[in-house]
C-alpha atoms as a PDB file:
ATOM      1  CA  PRO A   1      98.597  95.331  95.083  1.00  0.00           C
ATOM      2  CA  SER A   2      99.521  93.762  98.051  1.00  0.00           C
ATOM      3  CA  GLU A   3      99.998  90.260  98.782  1.00  0.00           C
ATOM      4  CA  GLY A   4      98.270  91.130 102.228  1.00  0.00           C
ATOM      5  CA  LEU A   5      95.347  92.688 100.088  1.00  0.00           C
ATOM      6  CA  LEU A   6      94.395  90.065  98.453  1.00  0.00           C
ATOM      7  CA  LYS A   7      94.858  87.734 101.167  1.00  0.00           C
ATOM      8  CA  LYS A   8      92.314  90.167 102.659  1.00  0.00           C
ATOM      9  CA  THR A   9      89.838  90.956  99.963  1.00  0.00           C
ATOM     10  CA  GLY A  10      90.167  88.765  97.680  1.00  0.00           C
ATOM     11  CA  GLY A  11      91.339  89.688  93.661  1.00  0.00           C
ATOM     12  CA  GLU A  12      87.818  89.933  92.324  1.00  0.00           C
ATOM     13  CA  ASN A  13      87.621  93.297  94.329  1.00  0.00           C
ATOM     14  CA  ILE A  14      89.777  94.975  93.474  1.00  0.00           C
ATOM     15  CA  ILE A  15      90.298  96.788  90.013  1.00  0.00           C
ATOM     16  CA  ALA A  16      94.448  98.333  89.857  1.00  0.00           C
ATOM     17  CA  ILE A  17      94.104 100.923  87.875  1.00  0.00           C
ATOM     18  CA  VAL A  18      97.738 101.754  86.163  1.00  0.00           C
ATOM     19  CA  ARG A  19      99.294 103.514  83.012  1.00  0.00           C
ATOM     20  CA  GLU A  20     100.939 100.240  82.327  1.00  0.00           C
ATOM     21  CA  PRO A  21      98.536  96.851  82.979  1.00  0.00           C
ATOM     22  CA  SER A  22     101.735  94.843  81.582  1.00  0.00           C
ATOM     23  CA  LYS A  23     104.172  95.915  84.706  1.00  0.00           C
ATOM     24  CA  LEU A  24     101.854  93.424  87.038  1.00  0.00           C
ATOM     25  CA  SER A  25     101.247  90.624  85.280  1.00  0.00           C
ATOM     26  CA  GLU A  26     102.114  88.556  87.970  1.00  0.00           C
ATOM     27  CA  PHE A  27      98.828  89.119  89.272  1.00  0.00           C
ATOM     28  CA  GLU A  28      97.095  88.468  86.227  1.00  0.00           C
ATOM     29  CA  ASP A  29      95.929  85.216  88.113  1.00  0.00           C
ATOM     30  CA  THR A  30      94.245  86.722  90.880  1.00  0.00           C
ATOM     31  CA  GLY A  31      91.243  88.061  89.834  1.00  0.00           C
ATOM     32  CA  ILE A  32      92.294  91.457  90.390  1.00  0.00           C
ATOM     33  CA  THR A  33      91.071  93.281  87.290  1.00  0.00           C
ATOM     34  CA  MET A  34      93.136  95.847  85.670  1.00  0.00           C
ATOM     35  CA  ARG A  35      92.470  99.236  84.662  1.00  0.00           C
ATOM     36  CA  LYS A  36      94.896 101.484  82.204  1.00  0.00           C
ATOM     37  CA  ALA A  37      94.509 104.921  83.347  1.00  0.00           C
ATOM     38  CA  ASP A  38      96.909 108.425  83.448  1.00  0.00           C
ATOM     39  CA  TYR A  39      97.173 110.835  85.872  1.00  0.00           C
ATOM     40  CA  GLU A  40      96.597 113.343  83.213  1.00  0.00           C
ATOM     41  CA  ASP A  41      94.042 111.947  81.251  1.00  0.00           C
ATOM     42  CA  MET A  42      90.338 113.001  82.735  1.00  0.00           C
ATOM     43  CA  ASP A  43      89.228 110.392  79.916  1.00  0.00           C
ATOM     44  CA  SER A  44      91.081 107.581  81.087  1.00  0.00           C
ATOM     45  CA  LEU A  45      90.698 108.447  84.995  1.00  0.00           C
ATOM     46  CA  ASN A  46      86.558 108.618  84.558  1.00  0.00           C
ATOM     47  CA  GLU A  47      86.557 105.487  82.525  1.00  0.00           C
ATOM     48  CA  ALA A  48      88.859 103.466  84.770  1.00  0.00           C
ATOM     49  CA  LEU A  49      86.813 104.670  88.228  1.00  0.00           C
ATOM     50  CA  LYS A  50      83.610 103.822  87.148  1.00  0.00           C
ATOM     51  CA  GLY A  51      82.108 101.428  89.725  1.00  0.00           C
ATOM     52  CA  VAL A  52      84.556 101.803  92.393  1.00  0.00           C
ATOM     53  CA  ASP A  53      83.359 102.659  95.862  1.00  0.00           C
ATOM     54  CA  THR A  54      86.572 102.670  97.274  1.00  0.00           C
ATOM     55  CA  LEU A  55      89.509 104.272  96.220  1.00  0.00           C
ATOM     56  CA  LEU A  56      93.203 104.264  97.207  1.00  0.00           C
ATOM     57  CA  GLN A  57      94.873 107.056  95.877  1.00  0.00           C
ATOM     58  CA  ILE A  58      98.413 106.901  96.098  1.00  0.00           C
ATOM     59  CA  SER A  59     100.291 110.044  95.542  1.00  0.00           C
ATOM     60  CA  THR A  60     101.598 110.811  92.047  1.00  0.00           C
ATOM     61  CA  THR A  61     105.635 110.921  91.949  1.00  0.00           C
ATOM     62  CA  SER A  62     105.238 114.418  89.426  1.00  0.00           C
ATOM     63  CA  MET A  63     106.356 117.487  92.223  1.00  0.00           C
ATOM     64  CA  GLY A  64     105.313 121.474  91.668  1.00  0.00           C
ATOM     65  CA  GLU A  65     102.327 122.262  89.751  1.00  0.00           C
ATOM     66  CA  ARG A  66     102.286 119.106  87.931  1.00  0.00           C
ATOM     67  CA  GLY A  67     102.199 116.921  90.385  1.00  0.00           C
ATOM     68  CA  ILE A  68      98.938 118.655  91.861  1.00  0.00           C
ATOM     69  CA  GLY A  69      97.135 118.719  88.656  1.00  0.00           C
ATOM     70  CA  GLN A  70      97.792 115.131  88.495  1.00  0.00           C
ATOM     71  CA  GLU A  71      96.620 114.424  91.973  1.00  0.00           C
ATOM     72  CA  LEU A  72      93.529 117.247  91.491  1.00  0.00           C
ATOM     73  CA  ASN A  73      92.567 114.831  88.475  1.00  0.00           C
ATOM     74  CA  VAL A  74      92.218 112.142  90.506  1.00  0.00           C
ATOM     75  CA  VAL A  75      89.543 113.428  92.765  1.00  0.00           C
ATOM     76  CA  GLU A  76      87.482 115.184  90.133  1.00  0.00           C
ATOM     77  CA  ALA A  77      87.489 112.468  88.421  1.00  0.00           C
ATOM     78  CA  ALA A  78      86.844 109.959  92.058  1.00  0.00           C
ATOM     79  CA  LYS A  79      83.946 112.617  92.443  1.00  0.00           C
ATOM     80  CA  ARG A  80      82.809 112.549  89.028  1.00  0.00           C
ATOM     81  CA  GLN A  81      82.053 108.316  88.494  1.00  0.00           C
ATOM     82  CA  GLY A  82      80.721 108.573  92.065  1.00  0.00           C
ATOM     83  CA  VAL A  83      83.782 107.116  94.605  1.00  0.00           C
ATOM     84  CA  GLY A  84      82.168 107.083  97.910  1.00  0.00           C
ATOM     85  CA  SER A  85      84.837 106.435  99.334  1.00  0.00           C
ATOM     86  CA  ILE A  86      88.391 107.439  98.965  1.00  0.00           C
ATOM     87  CA  VAL A  87      91.765 106.832 100.663  1.00  0.00           C
ATOM     88  CA  TYR A  88      94.853 108.624 100.464  1.00  0.00           C
ATOM     89  CA  THR A  89      98.939 108.752 100.959  1.00  0.00           C
ATOM     90  CA  SER A  90      98.847 111.663 101.540  1.00  0.00           C
ATOM     91  CA  GLY A  91     102.528 113.237 103.860  1.00  0.00           C
ATOM     92  CA  LEU A  92     103.115 113.528 107.330  1.00  0.00           C
ATOM     93  CA  LYS A  93     101.314 116.985 108.545  1.00  0.00           C
ATOM     94  CA  PRO A  94     100.767 118.488 105.541  1.00  0.00           C
ATOM     95  CA  ASP A  95     101.781 122.491 105.749  1.00  0.00           C
ATOM     96  CA  ASN A  96     102.040 125.370 103.419  1.00  0.00           C
ATOM     97  CA  ASP A  97     105.463 126.256 104.564  1.00  0.00           C
ATOM     98  CA  ALA A  98     106.709 122.566 104.960  1.00  0.00           C
ATOM     99  CA  HIS A  99     110.692 122.842 103.277  1.00  0.00           C
ATOM    100  CA  PHE A 100     109.361 118.943 101.747  1.00  0.00           C
ATOM    101  CA  LEU A 101     107.454 120.446  98.575  1.00  0.00           C
ATOM    102  CA  ALA A 102     105.960 116.725  98.641  1.00  0.00           C
ATOM    103  CA  VAL A 103     104.116 117.888 100.995  1.00  0.00           C
ATOM    104  CA  GLN A 104     102.502 120.890 100.188  1.00  0.00           C
ATOM    105  CA  GLN A 105     101.291 119.129  97.357  1.00  0.00           C
ATOM    106  CA  CYS A 106      99.944 117.178  99.290  1.00  0.00           C
ATOM    107  CA  LEU A 107      98.100 119.839 101.483  1.00  0.00           C
ATOM    108  CA  ARG A 108      96.677 120.520  98.235  1.00  0.00           C
ATOM    109  CA  THR A 109      95.516 117.322  97.785  1.00  0.00           C
ATOM    110  CA  GLU A 110      94.193 116.688 100.619  1.00  0.00           C
ATOM    111  CA  GLU A 111      92.070 120.235 100.892  1.00  0.00           C
ATOM    112  CA  ALA A 112      90.261 118.907  97.072  1.00  0.00           C
ATOM    113  CA  ILE A 113      89.421 115.384  98.932  1.00  0.00           C
ATOM    114  CA  LEU A 114      87.948 117.371 101.592  1.00  0.00           C
ATOM    115  CA  ASN A 115      85.482 119.674  99.603  1.00  0.00           C
ATOM    116  CA  SER A 116      84.777 116.626  97.614  1.00  0.00           C
ATOM    117  CA  GLY A 117      81.573 115.422  99.649  1.00  0.00           C
ATOM    118  CA  MET A 118      83.124 112.288  99.681  1.00  0.00           C
ATOM    119  CA  SER A 119      84.095 110.069 102.412  1.00  0.00           C
ATOM    120  CA  TYR A 120      87.350 110.175 103.274  1.00  0.00           C
ATOM    121  CA  THR A 121      90.547 108.756 105.305  1.00  0.00           C
ATOM    122  CA  LEU A 122      93.810 110.927 105.589  1.00  0.00           C
END
């Protein structure tokens, strides 16, 4: 979580979904709700996204088919849980022919978001 975001909205309005909540112990007294989930575990994603209105989706560090699968899992879980809006940290000009593979991956995630029915910011 960003301290700028905390100043703007307050911790009580933030749910941080992380693999290891203990790594964010410095934010324990901020009012942020910590939920544990993993991009490869749909049950944990579905549980973590319950009641979320707007999701800030940070791109995975995994690459290739694994990374694509992880990011699509997040979009699918958000859709299932009724998330209203998704903000995605994509790449610059995603394209299937891009030399940087992460940008190709971002294109697949953007397509899933565009087809999800959720409002979005890319």
